[in-house]
């Protein structure tokens, strides 16, 4: 019951985040021309990529050590705080020294001042990631989801003030992004501090365990992230920033369907890490087929409405985003399988299978992108991603079926009794909503005159 409640609350949070992210995207598209929007897309992607390069897999290690190994949360937090500041500051210095090469290649279009601002975020990004992993490990999804909602509200407010009130361009938007992300990281630390004592420390034995588990998670996370985002940097190398903007909007809309498997995976990993080995595979298969079913409905819905959404909300200037969007959507569906199954392997400390799947897909993605982007532009980038997503999902599905002994229908095809459970859940939802409204009406009847 708690698992279902956590998934539901996380999914509701994801739905709200869809609206907030969409509002931020429309705001940027309506106030910036495609070239400036492309520069901002690079700026908002770069810190995440840098964080994946420098995080030694501590996000997953924290959840695994607290959930599976039952290590003290206070010690995990102490190591996390120390490593976040040490690694974040050190990486920022190294990247600043290499800024010339980076700005001429992968981040072409950004200025040195914008790049320096983004580097200041690295310690905050790590602190935020580690704090959020602690909340997940302790299954405090109430605080976890609240922080995500408040963080996006802060981002939306910051962008509105800079782009609408002060009418600033890309540089102002980069500053707003940096400030909002830093404030969100501080809020994450406040939430963790309400549960666990915040004090930097160093626990060598625990650090060794984190490193042993985290290294495989590091490779898995980095390769997976590059599979999702390397095409943006390759577009920046081969094409102009406006094309980056079109592709960024296409991916933003297509990845709306990922909020479903993301919300499931967010709750599933700590659950599997604390579940007996006998239940891990059946639970994963059950969750996977539900996720595929719901994600299929979402991608069909996006396909039906996107040709109206882009010109109406973003403006006619962004119509070129439709081509990569329609190519990406089938790949988004296949990756729903990967996003669920990878949690199964991580919970069993077998990240090597996820690494193999994502690594093979990454090699395929890079090879296809280098050939197709110069020739077919953003359509070629989308096709490369589609093929790589499908390859990663198929590899991981085959490995999961082999380990579990289950059939492919168990993991992919929704069952009649599954659909019956949806009917029961909807019935309970209507019943609870009716009870809530009835209580509200009862309170209004007993309210004294004048409200006193």
Protein backbone atom coordinates (compact mmCIF):
# COMPACT_ATOMS: atom_id res chain seq x y z
CA UNK A 1 0.00 0.00 0.00
CA UNK A 2 2.80 2.40 0.87
CA UNK A 3 4.52 1.67 -2.44
CA UNK A 4 1.33 2.45 -4.38
CA UNK A 5 0.82 5.62 -2.35
CA UNK A 6 4.39 6.77 -2.97
CA UNK A 7 4.08 6.05 -6.70
CA UNK A 8 0.77 7.90 -6.86
CA UNK A 9 2.08 10.94 -5.00
CA UNK A 10 5.21 10.98 -7.14
CA UNK A 11 3.13 10.63 -10.30
CA UNK A 12 0.86 13.51 -9.25
CA UNK A 13 3.99 15.55 -8.62
CA UNK A 14 5.26 14.62 -12.07
CA UNK A 15 1.97 15.76 -13.63
CA UNK A 16 2.29 19.15 -11.94
CA UNK A 17 5.94 19.33 -12.98
CA UNK A 18 4.87 18.70 -16.57
CA UNK A 19 2.77 21.84 -16.41
CA UNK A 20 5.50 23.89 -14.76
CA UNK A 21 8.19 22.73 -17.19
CA UNK A 22 5.87 23.38 -20.10
CA UNK A 23 5.20 26.90 -18.80
CA UNK A 24 8.93 27.55 -18.46
CA UNK A 25 9.54 26.30 -22.01
CA UNK A 26 6.77 28.44 -23.48
CA UNK A 27 7.98 31.48 -21.53
CA UNK A 28 11.49 31.10 -22.92
CA UNK A 29 10.26 30.47 -26.47
CA UNK A 30 7.95 33.49 -26.43
CA UNK A 31 10.56 35.90 -25.04
CA UNK A 32 13.69 34.66 -26.84
CA UNK A 33 14.41 34.15 -30.54
CA UNK A 34 15.45 30.62 -31.62
CA UNK A 35 19.17 31.45 -31.49
CA UNK A 36 19.02 32.76 -27.90
CA UNK A 37 16.73 29.87 -26.96
CA UNK A 38 19.32 27.44 -28.30
CA UNK A 39 22.07 29.06 -26.24
CA UNK A 40 19.90 28.81 -23.13
CA UNK A 41 19.14 25.15 -23.87
CA UNK A 42 22.87 24.42 -23.89
CA UNK A 43 23.37 26.41 -20.68
CA UNK A 44 20.62 24.51 -18.86
CA UNK A 45 21.92 21.12 -20.02
CA UNK A 46 25.66 21.59 -19.39
CA UNK A 47 25.64 21.55 -15.54
CA UNK A 48 23.67 18.31 -15.49
CA UNK A 49 26.15 16.68 -17.85
CA UNK A 50 29.08 17.95 -15.78
CA UNK A 51 27.47 16.57 -12.62
CA UNK A 52 27.16 13.13 -14.23
CA UNK A 53 30.85 13.23 -15.10
CA UNK A 54 32.02 14.18 -11.60
CA UNK A 55 29.55 12.33 -9.33
CA UNK A 56 31.20 9.02 -8.33
CA UNK A 57 27.84 7.21 -8.26
CA UNK A 58 27.02 8.44 -4.78
CA UNK A 59 23.33 9.07 -5.56
CA UNK A 60 22.58 5.38 -6.12
CA UNK A 61 25.12 4.27 -3.51
CA UNK A 62 23.37 6.31 -0.82
CA UNK A 63 20.04 4.63 -1.55
CA UNK A 64 21.61 1.17 -1.73
CA UNK A 65 23.62 1.51 1.48
CA UNK A 66 20.73 2.86 3.53
CA UNK A 67 18.06 0.61 1.99
CA UNK A 68 19.85 -2.71 1.40
CA UNK A 69 22.85 -2.52 3.76
CA UNK A 70 21.09 -0.57 6.56
CA UNK A 71 24.04 1.78 7.09
CA UNK A 72 23.47 4.77 9.43
CA UNK A 73 21.96 7.68 7.52
CA UNK A 74 23.98 10.19 9.56
CA UNK A 75 27.26 8.73 8.32
CA UNK A 76 26.03 8.58 4.73
CA UNK A 77 25.01 12.24 4.94
CA UNK A 78 28.37 13.24 6.44
CA UNK A 79 30.33 11.63 3.60
CA UNK A 80 27.96 13.12 1.02
CA UNK A 81 28.42 16.68 2.25
CA UNK A 82 32.20 16.38 2.28
CA UNK A 83 32.43 14.84 -1.18
CA UNK A 84 29.96 17.27 -2.75
CA UNK A 85 31.98 20.32 -1.76
CA UNK A 86 35.38 18.75 -2.50
CA UNK A 87 34.50 17.28 -5.88
CA UNK A 88 32.27 20.20 -6.95
CA UNK A 89 34.85 22.91 -6.28
CA UNK A 90 37.72 20.89 -7.75
CA UNK A 91 35.81 20.09 -10.94
CA UNK A 92 34.75 23.72 -11.38
CA UNK A 93 38.39 24.84 -11.28
CA UNK A 94 39.51 22.20 -13.79
CA UNK A 95 36.68 22.99 -16.22
CA UNK A 96 37.35 26.72 -15.95
CA UNK A 97 40.97 26.12 -16.98
CA UNK A 98 39.73 24.13 -20.01
CA UNK A 99 37.05 26.70 -20.93
CA UNK A 100 38.67 27.66 -24.26
CA UNK A 101 38.42 24.20 -25.79
CA UNK A 102 34.94 23.54 -24.34
CA UNK A 103 33.48 26.81 -25.64
CA UNK A 104 34.88 26.21 -29.12
CA UNK A 105 33.34 22.74 -29.42
CA UNK A 106 30.52 21.29 -27.34
CA UNK A 107 29.24 24.59 -25.93
CA UNK A 108 29.64 26.71 -29.02
CA UNK A 109 27.44 29.79 -28.59
CA UNK A 110 27.98 30.31 -24.86
CA UNK A 111 30.13 33.17 -23.61
CA UNK A 112 32.96 32.80 -21.09
CA UNK A 113 30.91 34.74 -18.51
CA UNK A 114 27.92 32.40 -18.91
CA UNK A 115 30.18 29.36 -18.63
CA UNK A 116 31.76 30.71 -15.42
CA UNK A 117 28.32 31.23 -13.89
CA UNK A 118 27.39 27.64 -14.67
CA UNK A 119 30.57 26.33 -13.03
CA UNK A 120 29.54 27.97 -9.76
CA UNK A 121 26.57 25.60 -9.74
CA UNK A 122 28.54 22.36 -9.60
CA UNK A 123 28.87 22.07 -5.78
CA UNK A 124 25.19 22.98 -5.43
CA UNK A 125 24.18 20.39 -8.02
CA UNK A 126 26.01 17.65 -6.14
CA UNK A 127 24.63 18.74 -2.78
CA UNK A 128 21.14 18.76 -4.22
CA UNK A 129 21.51 15.31 -5.82
CA UNK A 130 22.92 13.73 -2.67
CA UNK A 131 20.30 15.32 -0.42
CA UNK A 132 17.48 14.15 -2.67
CA UNK A 133 18.93 10.62 -2.69
CA UNK A 134 18.86 10.60 1.12
CA UNK A 135 15.17 11.54 1.09
CA UNK A 136 14.49 8.71 -1.34
CA UNK A 137 16.52 6.22 0.70
CA UNK A 138 14.54 7.13 3.82
CA UNK A 139 11.33 6.97 1.74
CA UNK A 140 10.40 10.51 2.60
CA UNK A 141 8.68 11.04 -0.71
CA UNK A 142 6.52 13.75 0.84
CA UNK A 143 9.57 15.97 1.28
CA UNK A 144 11.16 14.71 -1.92
CA UNK A 145 8.16 15.67 -4.03
CA UNK A 146 7.60 18.94 -2.18
CA UNK A 147 11.16 20.00 -2.88
CA UNK A 148 10.77 19.22 -6.59
CA UNK A 149 7.58 21.24 -6.84
CA UNK A 150 8.97 24.23 -4.97
CA UNK A 151 12.18 24.08 -7.01
CA UNK A 152 10.31 24.35 -10.30
CA UNK A 153 8.12 27.15 -8.96
CA UNK A 154 11.29 29.04 -8.02
CA UNK A 155 12.68 28.44 -11.52
CA UNK A 156 9.48 29.66 -13.18
CA UNK A 157 9.37 32.78 -11.00
CA UNK A 158 13.04 33.57 -11.66
CA UNK A 159 12.62 33.19 -15.44
CA UNK A 160 9.48 35.34 -15.42
CA UNK A 161 11.19 38.15 -13.51
CA UNK A 162 14.25 38.15 -15.76
CA UNK A 163 12.60 37.60 -19.15
CA UNK A 164 9.30 39.46 -18.72
CA UNK A 165 9.73 42.04 -15.96
CA UNK A 166 13.29 43.11 -16.79
CA UNK A 167 13.21 42.01 -20.45
CA UNK A 168 16.68 40.49 -20.33
CA UNK A 169 17.97 38.07 -22.95
CA UNK A 170 19.93 34.82 -22.71
CA UNK A 171 22.57 36.08 -20.24
CA UNK A 172 19.91 37.17 -17.77
CA UNK A 173 18.12 33.84 -18.16
CA UNK A 174 21.35 31.95 -17.42
CA UNK A 175 21.76 33.98 -14.21
CA UNK A 176 18.15 33.23 -13.24
CA UNK A 177 18.74 29.51 -13.84
CA UNK A 178 21.88 29.51 -11.68
CA UNK A 179 20.23 31.37 -8.79
CA UNK A 180 17.09 29.22 -8.84
CA UNK A 181 19.10 25.98 -8.90
CA UNK A 182 21.28 27.12 -5.98
CA UNK A 183 18.24 28.06 -3.87
CA UNK A 184 16.65 24.67 -4.63
CA UNK A 185 19.81 22.88 -3.45
CA UNK A 186 19.73 24.79 -0.17
CA UNK A 187 16.09 23.81 0.28
CA UNK A 188 17.01 20.13 -0.21
CA UNK A 189 19.58 20.40 2.55
CA UNK A 190 17.00 22.01 4.85
CA UNK A 191 14.61 19.11 4.27
CA UNK A 192 17.30 16.50 4.97
CA UNK A 193 18.37 18.46 8.04
CA UNK A 194 14.87 18.13 9.44
CA UNK A 195 15.40 14.34 9.56
CA UNK A 196 19.14 13.72 9.88
CA UNK A 197 21.82 15.84 11.53
CA UNK A 198 23.77 17.75 8.87
CA UNK A 199 27.48 17.67 9.59
CA UNK A 200 30.32 17.07 7.12
CA UNK A 201 32.47 14.12 8.04
CA UNK A 202 34.63 11.33 6.73
CA UNK A 203 33.94 7.63 7.30
CA UNK A 204 36.56 5.68 5.33
CA UNK A 205 34.94 2.23 5.58
CA UNK A 206 31.58 3.56 4.44
CA UNK A 207 33.32 5.52 1.69
CA UNK A 208 34.88 2.27 0.46
CA UNK A 209 31.46 0.66 0.25
CA UNK A 210 30.13 3.69 -1.59
CA UNK A 211 33.01 3.53 -4.06
CA UNK A 212 32.60 -0.21 -4.69
CA UNK A 213 28.91 0.15 -5.48
CA UNK A 214 29.09 3.66 -6.87
CA UNK A 215 31.67 3.07 -9.59
CA UNK A 216 29.34 0.82 -11.55
CA UNK A 217 26.50 3.26 -10.97
CA UNK A 218 28.77 6.09 -12.11
CA UNK A 219 29.46 4.44 -15.44
CA UNK A 220 25.81 3.43 -15.84
CA UNK A 221 24.51 6.94 -15.09
CA UNK A 222 27.08 8.71 -17.23
CA UNK A 223 26.55 6.48 -20.26
CA UNK A 224 22.79 6.72 -19.85
CA UNK A 225 22.87 10.50 -19.63
CA UNK A 226 25.09 10.80 -22.68
CA UNK A 227 22.61 8.63 -24.56
CA UNK A 228 19.93 11.19 -23.74
CA UNK A 229 21.89 14.41 -24.18
CA UNK A 230 24.97 13.90 -26.37
CA UNK A 231 22.92 14.71 -29.47
CA UNK A 232 22.42 18.26 -28.16
CA UNK A 233 26.17 18.84 -27.99
CA UNK A 234 26.77 17.26 -31.38
CA UNK A 235 24.11 19.54 -32.84
CA UNK A 236 25.93 22.51 -31.30
CA UNK A 237 29.12 21.37 -33.02
CA UNK A 238 27.63 20.78 -36.47
CA UNK A 239 24.68 23.22 -36.66
CA UNK A 240 23.69 26.69 -35.46
CA UNK A 241 22.04 27.45 -32.05
CA UNK A 242 18.59 27.86 -33.62
CA UNK A 243 18.61 24.19 -34.65
CA UNK A 244 19.57 23.30 -31.08
CA UNK A 245 16.49 25.23 -29.92
CA UNK A 246 14.17 23.32 -32.28
CA UNK A 247 15.60 20.00 -31.14
CA UNK A 248 15.46 20.98 -27.46
CA UNK A 249 11.74 21.77 -27.76
CA UNK A 250 11.13 18.46 -29.54
CA UNK A 251 12.90 16.50 -26.79
CA UNK A 252 11.16 18.49 -24.04
CA UNK A 253 7.74 17.62 -25.44
CA UNK A 254 8.61 14.00 -26.25
CA UNK A 255 10.07 13.43 -22.80
CA UNK A 256 6.80 14.46 -21.18
CA UNK A 257 5.91 10.79 -21.55
CA UNK A 258 8.96 9.93 -19.45
CA UNK A 259 7.42 11.48 -16.36
CA UNK A 260 5.50 8.24 -15.93
CA UNK A 261 8.45 5.79 -15.92
CA UNK A 262 10.54 8.36 -14.06
CA UNK A 263 8.01 8.59 -11.22
CA UNK A 264 7.76 4.79 -11.10
CA UNK A 265 11.53 4.32 -11.14
CA UNK A 266 12.07 6.96 -8.47
CA UNK A 267 9.99 4.94 -6.01
CA UNK A 268 10.83 1.48 -7.40
CA UNK A 269 14.60 1.56 -6.81
CA UNK A 270 14.51 2.08 -3.03
CA UNK A 271 11.61 -0.40 -2.83
CA UNK A 272 13.53 -3.10 -4.72
CA UNK A 273 16.66 -2.38 -2.68
CA UNK A 274 14.72 -3.31 0.47
CA UNK A 275 12.74 -6.22 -1.07
CA UNK A 276 13.57 -9.92 -0.76
CA UNK A 277 15.31 -11.45 -3.77
CA UNK A 278 12.32 -13.73 -4.42
CA UNK A 279 10.00 -10.76 -5.00
CA UNK A 280 12.34 -8.54 -7.01
CA UNK A 281 11.65 -10.03 -10.46
CA UNK A 282 7.85 -10.47 -10.24
CA UNK A 283 7.44 -6.95 -8.84
CA UNK A 284 9.65 -5.50 -11.60
CA UNK A 285 7.69 -7.30 -14.34
CA UNK A 286 4.38 -6.13 -12.92
CA UNK A 287 5.53 -2.54 -12.67
CA UNK A 288 7.07 -2.69 -16.16
CA UNK A 289 3.92 -3.78 -17.99
CA UNK A 290 1.85 -1.13 -16.21
CA UNK A 291 4.44 1.50 -17.10
CA UNK A 292 4.52 0.45 -20.77
CA UNK A 293 0.73 0.55 -20.96
CA UNK A 294 0.40 4.04 -19.47
CA UNK A 295 3.38 5.40 -21.41
CA UNK A 296 1.85 4.07 -24.65
CA UNK A 297 -1.28 6.10 -23.98
CA UNK A 298 0.84 9.16 -23.24
CA UNK A 299 2.87 8.92 -26.45
CA UNK A 300 -0.28 8.45 -28.52
CA UNK A 301 -1.76 11.54 -26.90
CA UNK A 302 1.39 13.58 -27.59
CA UNK A 303 1.38 12.44 -31.21
CA UNK A 304 -2.22 13.58 -31.60
CA UNK A 305 -1.84 17.07 -30.11
CA UNK A 306 1.76 18.13 -30.77
CA UNK A 307 1.08 19.54 -34.26
CA UNK A 308 -1.28 22.01 -32.57
CA UNK A 309 0.68 22.58 -29.36
CA UNK A 310 3.95 23.79 -30.89
CA UNK A 311 2.62 26.60 -33.12
CA UNK A 312 -0.04 27.68 -30.61
CA UNK A 313 2.12 27.83 -27.48
CA UNK A 314 5.68 28.19 -28.73
CA UNK A 315 4.93 30.14 -31.90
CA UNK A 316 5.19 29.46 -35.65
CA UNK A 317 8.95 30.06 -35.53
CA UNK A 318 9.36 26.71 -33.76
CA UNK A 319 7.43 24.56 -36.25
CA UNK A 320 10.66 22.81 -37.37
CA UNK A 321 10.57 21.00 -34.00
CA UNK A 322 7.73 18.79 -35.27
CA UNK A 323 9.94 16.59 -37.45
CA UNK A 324 12.33 15.40 -34.69
CA UNK A 325 9.42 15.16 -32.26
CA UNK A 326 7.49 12.60 -34.31
CA UNK A 327 10.67 10.59 -34.87
CA UNK A 328 11.56 10.61 -31.15
CA UNK A 329 8.20 9.51 -29.72
CA UNK A 330 8.50 5.75 -30.52
CA UNK A 331 11.96 5.78 -28.94
CA UNK A 332 10.56 7.43 -25.83
CA UNK A 333 8.16 4.51 -25.46
CA UNK A 334 10.90 1.88 -25.76
CA UNK A 335 12.99 3.67 -23.13
CA UNK A 336 10.16 3.30 -20.63
CA UNK A 337 11.15 -0.37 -20.50
CA UNK A 338 14.81 0.51 -19.92
CA UNK A 339 13.99 3.01 -17.17
CA UNK A 340 12.12 0.38 -15.16
CA UNK A 341 14.39 -2.61 -15.76
CA UNK A 342 17.59 -0.74 -14.96
CA UNK A 343 16.28 -0.31 -11.39
CA UNK A 344 16.02 -4.08 -11.10
CA UNK A 345 19.68 -4.60 -11.96
CA UNK A 346 20.84 -1.71 -9.76
CA UNK A 347 18.93 -3.06 -6.75
CA UNK A 348 20.82 -6.37 -7.16
CA UNK A 349 24.21 -4.66 -7.59
CA UNK A 350 24.36 -5.81 -11.22
CA UNK A 351 24.70 -2.47 -12.93
CA UNK A 352 27.05 -4.03 -15.46
CA UNK A 353 24.05 -5.12 -17.51
CA UNK A 354 22.69 -1.58 -17.63
CA UNK A 355 26.17 -0.36 -18.55
CA UNK A 356 26.38 -2.91 -21.38
CA UNK A 357 22.97 -1.90 -22.73
CA UNK A 358 23.54 1.85 -22.45
CA UNK A 359 27.15 1.60 -23.66
CA UNK A 360 26.23 -0.30 -26.81
CA UNK A 361 23.43 2.17 -27.47
CA UNK A 362 25.77 5.12 -26.95
CA UNK A 363 28.30 3.82 -29.48
CA UNK A 364 25.46 3.31 -31.94
CA UNK A 365 24.07 6.78 -31.23
CA UNK A 366 27.41 8.55 -31.72
CA UNK A 367 28.18 6.68 -34.94
CA UNK A 368 24.78 7.39 -36.45
CA UNK A 369 24.77 11.03 -35.28
CA UNK A 370 28.14 11.85 -36.80
CA UNK A 371 26.91 10.50 -40.14
CA UNK A 372 23.29 11.70 -40.09
CA UNK A 373 23.39 15.13 -38.40
CA UNK A 374 25.55 16.86 -41.05
CA UNK A 375 23.32 15.36 -43.76
CA UNK A 376 19.82 15.45 -42.26
CA UNK A 377 20.14 17.93 -39.39
CA UNK A 378 17.83 17.60 -36.39
CA UNK A 379 15.87 14.81 -38.10
CA UNK A 380 19.06 12.76 -38.29
CA UNK A 381 19.75 13.39 -34.59
CA UNK A 382 16.25 12.21 -33.69
CA UNK A 383 16.58 9.04 -35.79
CA UNK A 384 19.94 8.24 -34.15
CA UNK A 385 18.32 8.57 -30.73
CA UNK A 386 15.37 6.38 -31.75
CA UNK A 387 17.64 3.52 -32.83
CA UNK A 388 19.88 3.79 -29.76
CA UNK A 389 16.93 3.89 -27.35
CA UNK A 390 15.41 0.79 -28.91
CA UNK A 391 18.75 -1.05 -28.78
CA UNK A 392 19.32 -0.27 -25.08
CA UNK A 393 15.83 -1.41 -24.13
CA UNK A 394 16.03 -4.67 -26.09
CA UNK A 395 19.40 -5.61 -24.58
CA UNK A 396 18.19 -5.00 -21.04
CA UNK A 397 14.87 -6.77 -21.62
CA UNK A 398 16.62 -9.91 -22.91
CA UNK A 399 18.92 -9.92 -19.87
CA UNK A 400 16.01 -9.44 -17.46
CA UNK A 401 13.98 -12.27 -19.01
CA UNK A 402 16.99 -14.56 -18.83
CA UNK A 403 17.62 -13.77 -15.13
CA UNK A 404 13.99 -13.90 -14.05
CA UNK A 405 12.75 -16.86 -16.12
CA UNK A 406 9.66 -14.83 -16.99
CA UNK A 407 8.15 -14.42 -20.44
CA UNK A 408 8.14 -11.21 -22.45
CA UNK A 409 4.38 -10.88 -22.00
CA UNK A 410 4.88 -10.72 -18.23
CA UNK A 411 6.97 -7.58 -18.64
CA UNK A 412 5.30 -5.89 -21.61
CA UNK A 413 1.64 -6.86 -22.04
CA UNK A 414 -1.06 -5.54 -19.72
CA UNK A 415 -3.40 -8.22 -18.36
CA UNK A 416 -7.16 -8.27 -17.91
CA UNK A 417 -6.84 -8.41 -14.13
CA UNK A 418 -4.46 -5.43 -14.31
CA UNK A 419 -7.15 -3.41 -16.05
CA UNK A 420 -9.65 -4.50 -13.41
CA UNK A 421 -7.37 -3.03 -10.76
CA UNK A 422 -7.49 0.31 -12.53
CA UNK A 423 -11.26 0.24 -12.23
CA UNK A 424 -10.99 -0.46 -8.51
CA UNK A 425 -8.47 2.35 -8.02
CA UNK A 426 -10.64 4.83 -9.91
CA UNK A 427 -13.62 3.77 -7.81
CA UNK A 428 -11.69 4.35 -4.60
CA UNK A 429 -10.52 7.71 -5.91
CA UNK A 430 -14.09 8.82 -6.62
CA UNK A 431 -15.18 7.57 -3.20
CA UNK A 432 -12.41 9.45 -1.40
CA UNK A 433 -13.10 12.59 -3.42
CA UNK A 434 -16.79 12.37 -2.48
CA UNK A 435 -15.92 11.94 1.19
CA UNK A 436 -13.61 14.95 1.03
CA UNK A 437 -16.29 17.12 -0.55
CA UNK A 438 -18.86 15.92 1.99
CA UNK A 439 -16.60 16.85 4.88
CA UNK A 440 -16.06 20.28 3.35
CA UNK A 441 -19.80 20.86 3.01
CA UNK A 442 -20.37 19.70 6.59
CA UNK A 443 -17.78 22.15 7.89
CA UNK A 444 -19.44 24.98 5.99
CA UNK A 445 -22.80 24.17 7.61
CA UNK A 446 -21.42 24.35 11.15
CA UNK A 447 -19.38 27.52 10.50
CA UNK A 448 -20.71 30.29 12.83
CA UNK A 449 -22.18 33.45 11.33
CA UNK A 450 -19.45 35.92 10.49
CA UNK A 451 -16.82 33.18 10.59
CA UNK A 452 -16.14 33.85 14.31
